[in-house]
Amino acid sequence: MYKTTVKIEGMACGMCEAHVCEAIRQAIPGAKRISASHRKGEAVFFSESGINPETLADVIGKTGYKYVSSDSSIHEKKGIFGR
């Protein structure tokens, strides 16, 4: 499982966050647990494979917001007693 964090400029409210989440959901079929924060200026989601930054730049650009950067890293799910 990969955790991807996308830095985005231009989001100003909760509707902006919803718009970005929906764009990611539609463009990246395996995206799960998608969330966005206009205060942090980022969106975070999980997927089975790493996502190409060019793909994310295209997805975010089509929403009218500015793609700044992204980072995909391997995320290991920890159980309730995991360390």
PDB file of N, CA and C in Angstrom:
ATOM      1  N   MET A   1       0.855  -1.170   0.000  1.00  0.00           N
ATOM      2  CA  MET A   1       0.000   0.000   0.000  1.00  0.00           C
ATOM      3  C   MET A   1       0.903   1.236   0.000  1.00  0.00           C
ATOM      4  N   TYR A   2       0.548   2.211  -0.804  1.00  0.00           N
ATOM      5  CA  TYR A   2       1.293   3.470  -0.891  1.00  0.00           C
ATOM      6  C   TYR A   2       0.452   4.619  -0.347  1.00  0.00           C
ATOM      7  N   LYS A   3       1.106   5.522   0.357  1.00  0.00           N
ATOM      8  CA  LYS A   3       0.467   6.744   0.826  1.00  0.00           C
ATOM      9  C   LYS A   3       1.009   7.877  -0.040  1.00  0.00           C
ATOM     10  N   THR A   4       0.103   8.617  -0.672  1.00  0.00           N
ATOM     11  CA  THR A   4       0.509   9.713  -1.540  1.00  0.00           C
ATOM     12  C   THR A   4      -0.005  11.026  -0.967  1.00  0.00           C
ATOM     13  N   THR A   5       0.904  11.982  -0.838  1.00  0.00           N
ATOM     14  CA  THR A   5       0.560  13.322  -0.372  1.00  0.00           C
ATOM     15  C   THR A   5       0.808  14.290  -1.527  1.00  0.00           C
ATOM     16  N   VAL A   6      -0.214  15.063  -1.862  1.00  0.00           N
ATOM     17  CA  VAL A   6      -0.134  16.012  -2.976  1.00  0.00           C
ATOM     18  C   VAL A   6      -0.252  17.423  -2.419  1.00  0.00           C
ATOM     19  N   LYS A   7       0.739  18.249  -2.667  1.00  0.00           N
ATOM     20  CA  LYS A   7       0.690  19.657  -2.262  1.00  0.00           C
ATOM     21  C   LYS A   7      -0.034  20.439  -3.355  1.00  0.00           C
ATOM     22  N   ILE A   8      -1.010  21.257  -2.932  1.00  0.00           N
ATOM     23  CA  ILE A   8      -1.883  21.966  -3.865  1.00  0.00           C
ATOM     24  C   ILE A   8      -2.050  23.412  -3.411  1.00  0.00           C
ATOM     25  N   GLU A   9      -1.997  24.333  -4.354  1.00  0.00           N
ATOM     26  CA  GLU A   9      -2.275  25.745  -4.057  1.00  0.00           C
ATOM     27  C   GLU A   9      -3.616  26.132  -4.652  1.00  0.00           C
ATOM     28  N   GLY A  10      -4.324  27.000  -3.956  1.00  0.00           N
ATOM     29  CA  GLY A  10      -5.559  27.558  -4.492  1.00  0.00           C
ATOM     30  C   GLY A  10      -6.832  27.092  -3.822  1.00  0.00           C
ATOM     31  N   MET A  11      -6.772  26.068  -2.968  1.00  0.00           N
ATOM     32  CA  MET A  11      -7.983  25.634  -2.273  1.00  0.00           C
ATOM     33  C   MET A  11      -8.295  26.637  -1.168  1.00  0.00           C
ATOM     34  N   ALA A  12      -9.569  27.013  -1.041  1.00  0.00           N
ATOM     35  CA  ALA A  12      -9.941  28.038  -0.073  1.00  0.00           C
ATOM     36  C   ALA A  12     -11.044  27.615   0.897  1.00  0.00           C
ATOM     37  N   CYS A  13     -11.699  26.476   0.637  1.00  0.00           N
ATOM     38  CA  CYS A  13     -12.834  26.106   1.481  1.00  0.00           C
ATOM     39  C   CYS A  13     -13.114  24.606   1.391  1.00  0.00           C
ATOM     40  N   GLY A  14     -14.126  24.172   2.086  1.00  0.00           N
ATOM     41  CA  GLY A  14     -14.522  22.769   2.082  1.00  0.00           C
ATOM     42  C   GLY A  14     -14.982  22.276   0.718  1.00  0.00           C
ATOM     43  N   MET A  15     -15.608  23.142  -0.057  1.00  0.00           N
ATOM     44  CA  MET A  15     -16.040  22.737  -1.403  1.00  0.00           C
ATOM     45  C   MET A  15     -14.832  22.501  -2.302  1.00  0.00           C
ATOM     46  N   CYS A  16     -13.788  23.278  -2.120  1.00  0.00           N
ATOM     47  CA  CYS A  16     -12.545  23.063  -2.878  1.00  0.00           C
ATOM     48  C   CYS A  16     -11.984  21.690  -2.546  1.00  0.00           C
ATOM     49  N   GLU A  17     -11.995  21.350  -1.262  1.00  0.00           N
ATOM     50  CA  GLU A  17     -11.502  20.040  -0.825  1.00  0.00           C
ATOM     51  C   GLU A  17     -12.318  18.924  -1.477  1.00  0.00           C
ATOM     52  N   ALA A  18     -13.630  19.063  -1.479  1.00  0.00           N
ATOM     53  CA  ALA A  18     -14.506  18.057  -2.080  1.00  0.00           C
ATOM     54  C   ALA A  18     -14.238  17.925  -3.572  1.00  0.00           C
ATOM     55  N   HIS A  19     -14.013  19.043  -4.238  1.00  0.00           N
ATOM     56  CA  HIS A  19     -13.738  19.051  -5.668  1.00  0.00           C
ATOM     57  C   HIS A  19     -12.461  18.274  -5.967  1.00  0.00           C
ATOM     58  N   VAL A  20     -11.405  18.505  -5.197  1.00  0.00           N
ATOM     59  CA  VAL A  20     -10.126  17.812  -5.382  1.00  0.00           C
ATOM     60  C   VAL A  20     -10.288  16.316  -5.091  1.00  0.00           C
ATOM     61  N   CYS A  21     -10.978  15.967  -4.010  1.00  0.00           N
ATOM     62  CA  CYS A  21     -11.180  14.559  -3.665  1.00  0.00           C
ATOM     63  C   CYS A  21     -11.932  13.821  -4.768  1.00  0.00           C
ATOM     64  N   GLU A  22     -12.952  14.430  -5.302  1.00  0.00           N
ATOM     65  CA  GLU A  22     -13.730  13.807  -6.367  1.00  0.00           C
ATOM     66  C   GLU A  22     -12.898  13.638  -7.633  1.00  0.00           C
ATOM     67  N   ALA A  23     -12.071  14.609  -7.967  1.00  0.00           N
ATOM     68  CA  ALA A  23     -11.201  14.509  -9.142  1.00  0.00           C
ATOM     69  C   ALA A  23     -10.216  13.355  -8.991  1.00  0.00           C
ATOM     70  N   ILE A  24      -9.639  13.210  -7.818  1.00  0.00           N
ATOM     71  CA  ILE A  24      -8.704  12.105  -7.560  1.00  0.00           C
ATOM     72  C   ILE A  24      -9.441  10.776  -7.636  1.00  0.00           C
ATOM     73  N   ARG A  25     -10.618  10.712  -7.030  1.00  0.00           N
ATOM     74  CA  ARG A  25     -11.424   9.481  -7.023  1.00  0.00           C
ATOM     75  C   ARG A  25     -11.741   9.020  -8.445  1.00  0.00           C
ATOM     76  N   GLN A  26     -12.073   9.942  -9.321  1.00  0.00           N
ATOM     77  CA  GLN A  26     -12.432   9.593 -10.699  1.00  0.00           C
ATOM     78  C   GLN A  26     -11.220   9.252 -11.556  1.00  0.00           C
ATOM     79  N   ALA A  27     -10.091   9.910 -11.327  1.00  0.00           N
ATOM     80  CA  ALA A  27      -8.910   9.729 -12.186  1.00  0.00           C
ATOM     81  C   ALA A  27      -8.028   8.560 -11.762  1.00  0.00           C
ATOM     82  N   ILE A  28      -8.069   8.192 -10.490  1.00  0.00           N
ATOM     83  CA  ILE A  28      -7.194   7.127  -9.986  1.00  0.00           C
ATOM     84  C   ILE A  28      -8.086   6.033  -9.412  1.00  0.00           C
ATOM     85  N   PRO A  29      -8.345   4.992 -10.212  1.00  0.00           N
ATOM     86  CA  PRO A  29      -9.314   3.959  -9.826  1.00  0.00           C
ATOM     87  C   PRO A  29      -9.075   3.290  -8.479  1.00  0.00           C
ATOM     88  N   GLY A  30      -7.833   3.050  -8.089  1.00  0.00           N
ATOM     89  CA  GLY A  30      -7.574   2.340  -6.845  1.00  0.00           C
ATOM     90  C   GLY A  30      -7.391   3.227  -5.629  1.00  0.00           C
ATOM     91  N   ALA A  31      -7.664   4.524  -5.759  1.00  0.00           N
ATOM     92  CA  ALA A  31      -7.459   5.454  -4.647  1.00  0.00           C
ATOM     93  C   ALA A  31      -8.455   5.184  -3.520  1.00  0.00           C
ATOM     94  N   LYS A  32      -7.935   5.155  -2.287  1.00  0.00           N
ATOM     95  CA  LYS A  32      -8.765   4.896  -1.110  1.00  0.00           C
ATOM     96  C   LYS A  32      -8.479   5.952  -0.048  1.00  0.00           C
ATOM     97  N   ARG A  33      -9.423   6.130   0.851  1.00  0.00           N
ATOM     98  CA  ARG A  33      -9.283   7.057   1.994  1.00  0.00           C
ATOM     99  C   ARG A  33      -8.747   8.424   1.549  1.00  0.00           C
ATOM    100  N   ILE A  34      -9.399   9.003   0.586  1.00  0.00           N
ATOM    101  CA  ILE A  34      -8.977  10.292   0.032  1.00  0.00           C
ATOM    102  C   ILE A  34      -9.447  11.409   0.952  1.00  0.00           C
ATOM    103  N   SER A  35      -8.524  12.299   1.283  1.00  0.00           N
ATOM    104  CA  SER A  35      -8.888  13.470   2.078  1.00  0.00           C
ATOM    105  C   SER A  35      -8.091  14.666   1.574  1.00  0.00           C
ATOM    106  N   ALA A  36      -8.639  15.843   1.771  1.00  0.00           N
ATOM    107  CA  ALA A  36      -7.958  17.075   1.367  1.00  0.00           C
ATOM    108  C   ALA A  36      -8.148  18.120   2.454  1.00  0.00           C
ATOM    109  N   SER A  37      -7.179  19.016   2.560  1.00  0.00           N
ATOM    110  CA  SER A  37      -7.250  20.091   3.548  1.00  0.00           C
ATOM    111  C   SER A  37      -6.813  21.395   2.895  1.00  0.00           C
ATOM    112  N   HIS A  38      -7.728  22.356   2.856  1.00  0.00           N
ATOM    113  CA  HIS A  38      -7.348  23.649   2.282  1.00  0.00           C
ATOM    114  C   HIS A  38      -6.397  24.390   3.216  1.00  0.00           C
ATOM    115  N   ARG A  39      -6.494  24.134   4.505  1.00  0.00           N
ATOM    116  CA  ARG A  39      -5.597  24.788   5.468  1.00  0.00           C
ATOM    117  C   ARG A  39      -4.166  24.293   5.327  1.00  0.00           C
ATOM    118  N   LYS A  40      -3.999  23.007   5.124  1.00  0.00           N
ATOM    119  CA  LYS A  40      -2.660  22.440   4.925  1.00  0.00           C
ATOM    120  C   LYS A  40      -2.191  22.574   3.475  1.00  0.00           C
ATOM    121  N   GLY A  41      -3.143  22.789   2.575  1.00  0.00           N
ATOM    122  CA  GLY A  41      -2.802  22.881   1.155  1.00  0.00           C
ATOM    123  C   GLY A  41      -2.357  21.546   0.587  1.00  0.00           C
ATOM    124  N   GLU A  42      -3.081  20.473   0.975  1.00  0.00           N
ATOM    125  CA  GLU A  42      -2.678  19.157   0.496  1.00  0.00           C
ATOM    126  C   GLU A  42      -3.856  18.197   0.428  1.00  0.00           C
ATOM    127  N   ALA A  43      -3.642  17.132  -0.342  1.00  0.00           N
ATOM    128  CA  ALA A  43      -4.570  16.011  -0.405  1.00  0.00           C
ATOM    129  C   ALA A  43      -3.753  14.758  -0.117  1.00  0.00           C
ATOM    130  N   VAL A  44      -4.374  13.792   0.558  1.00  0.00           N
ATOM    131  CA  VAL A  44      -3.707  12.542   0.908  1.00  0.00           C
ATOM    132  C   VAL A  44      -4.626  11.391   0.528  1.00  0.00           C
ATOM    133  N   PHE A  45      -4.039  10.340  -0.058  1.00  0.00           N
ATOM    134  CA  PHE A  45      -4.804   9.138  -0.360  1.00  0.00           C
ATOM    135  C   PHE A  45      -3.895   7.924  -0.364  1.00  0.00           C
ATOM    136  N   PHE A  46      -4.508   6.751  -0.354  1.00  0.00           N
ATOM    137  CA  PHE A  46      -3.780   5.488  -0.360  1.00  0.00           C
ATOM    138  C   PHE A  46      -4.117   4.735  -1.633  1.00  0.00           C
ATOM    139  N   SER A  47      -3.140   3.970  -2.140  1.00  0.00           N
ATOM    140  CA  SER A  47      -3.357   3.180  -3.351  1.00  0.00           C
ATOM    141  C   SER A  47      -2.448   1.958  -3.325  1.00  0.00           C
ATOM    142  N   GLU A  48      -2.735   1.009  -4.193  1.00  0.00           N
ATOM    143  CA  GLU A  48      -1.956  -0.227  -4.252  1.00  0.00           C
ATOM    144  C   GLU A  48      -0.601  -0.024  -4.920  1.00  0.00           C
ATOM    145  N   SER A  49      -0.456   1.032  -5.706  1.00  0.00           N
ATOM    146  CA  SER A  49       0.820   1.306  -6.372  1.00  0.00           C
ATOM    147  C   SER A  49       1.116   2.802  -6.305  1.00  0.00           C
ATOM    148  N   GLY A  50       2.366   3.147  -6.504  1.00  0.00           N
ATOM    149  CA  GLY A  50       2.750   4.554  -6.531  1.00  0.00           C
ATOM    150  C   GLY A  50       2.109   5.241  -7.732  1.00  0.00           C
ATOM    151  N   ILE A  51       1.871   6.515  -7.624  1.00  0.00           N
ATOM    152  CA  ILE A  51       1.208   7.279  -8.684  1.00  0.00           C
ATOM    153  C   ILE A  51       2.223   8.197  -9.349  1.00  0.00           C
ATOM    154  N   ASN A  52       2.176   8.247 -10.665  1.00  0.00           N
ATOM    155  CA  ASN A  52       3.059   9.097 -11.455  1.00  0.00           C
ATOM    156  C   ASN A  52       2.754  10.567 -11.153  1.00  0.00           C
ATOM    157  N   PRO A  53       3.764  11.363 -10.790  1.00  0.00           N
ATOM    158  CA  PRO A  53       3.536  12.794 -10.499  1.00  0.00           C
ATOM    159  C   PRO A  53       2.921  13.561 -11.680  1.00  0.00           C
ATOM    160  N   GLU A  54       3.251  13.170 -12.899  1.00  0.00           N
ATOM    161  CA  GLU A  54       2.667  13.847 -14.065  1.00  0.00           C
ATOM    162  C   GLU A  54       1.165  13.623 -14.131  1.00  0.00           C
ATOM    163  N   THR A  55       0.733  12.429 -13.757  1.00  0.00           N
ATOM    164  CA  THR A  55      -0.699  12.127 -13.725  1.00  0.00           C
ATOM    165  C   THR A  55      -1.398  13.015 -12.699  1.00  0.00           C
ATOM    166  N   LEU A  56      -0.792  13.130 -11.510  1.00  0.00           N
ATOM    167  CA  LEU A  56      -1.381  13.975 -10.475  1.00  0.00           C
ATOM    168  C   LEU A  56      -1.410  15.437 -10.881  1.00  0.00           C
ATOM    169  N   ALA A  57      -0.346  15.909 -11.525  1.00  0.00           N
ATOM    170  CA  ALA A  57      -0.303  17.300 -11.982  1.00  0.00           C
ATOM    171  C   ALA A  57      -1.438  17.559 -12.970  1.00  0.00           C
ATOM    172  N   ASP A  58      -1.695  16.595 -13.848  1.00  0.00           N
ATOM    173  CA  ASP A  58      -2.774  16.737 -14.832  1.00  0.00           C
ATOM    174  C   ASP A  58      -4.139  16.750 -14.145  1.00  0.00           C
ATOM    175  N   VAL A  59      -4.341  15.825 -13.206  1.00  0.00           N
ATOM    176  CA  VAL A  59      -5.626  15.730 -12.487  1.00  0.00           C
ATOM    177  C   VAL A  59      -5.909  17.022 -11.720  1.00  0.00           C
ATOM    178  N   ILE A  60      -4.932  17.511 -10.975  1.00  0.00           N
ATOM    179  CA  ILE A  60      -5.114  18.721 -10.168  1.00  0.00           C
ATOM    180  C   ILE A  60      -5.264  19.945 -11.061  1.00  0.00           C
ATOM    181  N   GLY A  61      -4.479  20.015 -12.133  1.00  0.00           N
ATOM    182  CA  GLY A  61      -4.565  21.139 -13.064  1.00  0.00           C
ATOM    183  C   GLY A  61      -5.945  21.276 -13.684  1.00  0.00           C
ATOM    184  N   LYS A  62      -6.582  20.153 -13.978  1.00  0.00           N
ATOM    185  CA  LYS A  62      -7.925  20.181 -14.586  1.00  0.00           C
ATOM    186  C   LYS A  62      -8.987  20.700 -13.614  1.00  0.00           C
ATOM    187  N   THR A  63      -8.706  20.657 -12.316  1.00  0.00           N
ATOM    188  CA  THR A  63      -9.672  21.161 -11.336  1.00  0.00           C
ATOM    189  C   THR A  63      -9.597  22.678 -11.187  1.00  0.00           C
ATOM    190  N   GLY A  64      -8.520  23.279 -11.714  1.00  0.00           N
ATOM    191  CA  GLY A  64      -8.353  24.717 -11.593  1.00  0.00           C
ATOM    192  C   GLY A  64      -7.424  25.120 -10.456  1.00  0.00           C
ATOM    193  N   TYR A  65      -6.906  24.147  -9.722  1.00  0.00           N
ATOM    194  CA  TYR A  65      -5.963  24.423  -8.653  1.00  0.00           C
ATOM    195  C   TYR A  65      -4.556  24.158  -9.163  1.00  0.00           C
ATOM    196  N   LYS A  66      -3.562  24.594  -8.400  1.00  0.00           N
ATOM    197  CA  LYS A  66      -2.181  24.460  -8.853  1.00  0.00           C
ATOM    198  C   LYS A  66      -1.493  23.293  -8.134  1.00  0.00           C
ATOM    199  N   TYR A  67      -1.025  22.326  -8.926  1.00  0.00           N
ATOM    200  CA  TYR A  67      -0.230  21.218  -8.400  1.00  0.00           C
ATOM    201  C   TYR A  67       1.149  21.758  -8.050  1.00  0.00           C
ATOM    202  N   VAL A  68       1.614  21.512  -6.831  1.00  0.00           N
ATOM    203  CA  VAL A  68       2.927  21.976  -6.387  1.00  0.00           C
ATOM    204  C   VAL A  68       3.922  20.822  -6.390  1.00  0.00           C
ATOM    205  N   SER A  69       3.570  19.732  -5.692  1.00  0.00           N
ATOM    206  CA  SER A  69       4.447  18.564  -5.632  1.00  0.00           C
ATOM    207  C   SER A  69       3.655  17.375  -5.093  1.00  0.00           C
ATOM    208  N   SER A  70       4.280  16.210  -5.161  1.00  0.00           N
ATOM    209  CA  SER A  70       3.657  15.023  -4.578  1.00  0.00           C
ATOM    210  C   SER A  70       4.744  14.075  -4.098  1.00  0.00           C
ATOM    211  N   ASP A  71       4.360  13.221  -3.157  1.00  0.00           N
ATOM    212  CA  ASP A  71       5.280  12.237  -2.604  1.00  0.00           C
ATOM    213  C   ASP A  71       4.507  10.955  -2.340  1.00  0.00           C
ATOM    214  N   SER A  72       4.985   9.846  -2.920  1.00  0.00           N
ATOM    215  CA  SER A  72       4.395   8.535  -2.664  1.00  0.00           C
ATOM    216  C   SER A  72       5.411   7.701  -1.907  1.00  0.00           C
ATOM    217  N   SER A  73       4.979   7.129  -0.796  1.00  0.00           N
ATOM    218  CA  SER A  73       5.872   6.277  -0.024  1.00  0.00           C
ATOM    219  C   SER A  73       5.117   5.025   0.422  1.00  0.00           C
ATOM    220  N   ILE A  74       5.870   3.968   0.635  1.00  0.00           N
ATOM    221  CA  ILE A  74       5.257   2.722   1.085  1.00  0.00           C
ATOM    222  C   ILE A  74       4.696   2.930   2.489  1.00  0.00           C
ATOM    223  N   HIS A  75       3.459   2.485   2.662  1.00  0.00           N
ATOM    224  CA  HIS A  75       2.770   2.645   3.944  1.00  0.00           C
ATOM    225  C   HIS A  75       2.382   1.260   4.435  1.00  0.00           C
ATOM    226  N   GLU A  76       2.875   0.891   5.590  1.00  0.00           N
ATOM    227  CA  GLU A  76       2.524  -0.398   6.166  1.00  0.00           C
ATOM    228  C   GLU A  76       1.414  -0.202   7.186  1.00  0.00           C
ATOM    229  N   LYS A  77       0.324  -0.886   6.946  1.00  0.00           N
ATOM    230  CA  LYS A  77      -0.805  -0.803   7.860  1.00  0.00           C
ATOM    231  C   LYS A  77      -0.435  -1.509   9.152  1.00  0.00           C
ATOM    232  N   LYS A  78      -0.665  -0.851  10.257  1.00  0.00           N
ATOM    233  CA  LYS A  78      -0.357  -1.430  11.557  1.00  0.00           C
ATOM    234  C   LYS A  78      -1.640  -1.839  12.248  1.00  0.00           C
ATOM    235  N   GLY A  79      -1.580  -2.975  12.907  1.00  0.00           N
ATOM    236  CA  GLY A  79      -2.737  -3.471  13.641  1.00  0.00           C
ATOM    237  C   GLY A  79      -2.960  -2.651  14.899  1.00  0.00           C
ATOM    238  N   ILE A  80      -3.953  -3.009  15.639  1.00  0.00           N
ATOM    239  CA  ILE A  80      -4.296  -2.278  16.846  1.00  0.00           C
ATOM    240  C   ILE A  80      -3.157  -2.271  17.856  1.00  0.00           C
ATOM    241  N   PHE A  81      -2.342  -3.333  17.864  1.00  0.00           N
ATOM    242  CA  PHE A  81      -1.230  -3.404  18.797  1.00  0.00           C
ATOM    243  C   PHE A  81       0.108  -3.247  18.077  1.00  0.00           C
ATOM    244  N   GLY A  82       0.078  -2.805  16.802  1.00  0.00           N
ATOM    245  CA  GLY A  82       1.301  -2.632  16.019  1.00  0.00           C
ATOM    246  C   GLY A  82       2.176  -1.523  16.543  1.00  0.00           C
ATOM    247  N   ARG A  83       3.449  -1.631  16.271  1.00  0.00           N
ATOM    248  CA  ARG A  83       4.397  -0.605  16.717  1.00  0.00           C
ATOM    249  C   ARG A  83       5.017   0.065  15.556  1.00  0.00           C
TER     250      ARG A  83
END
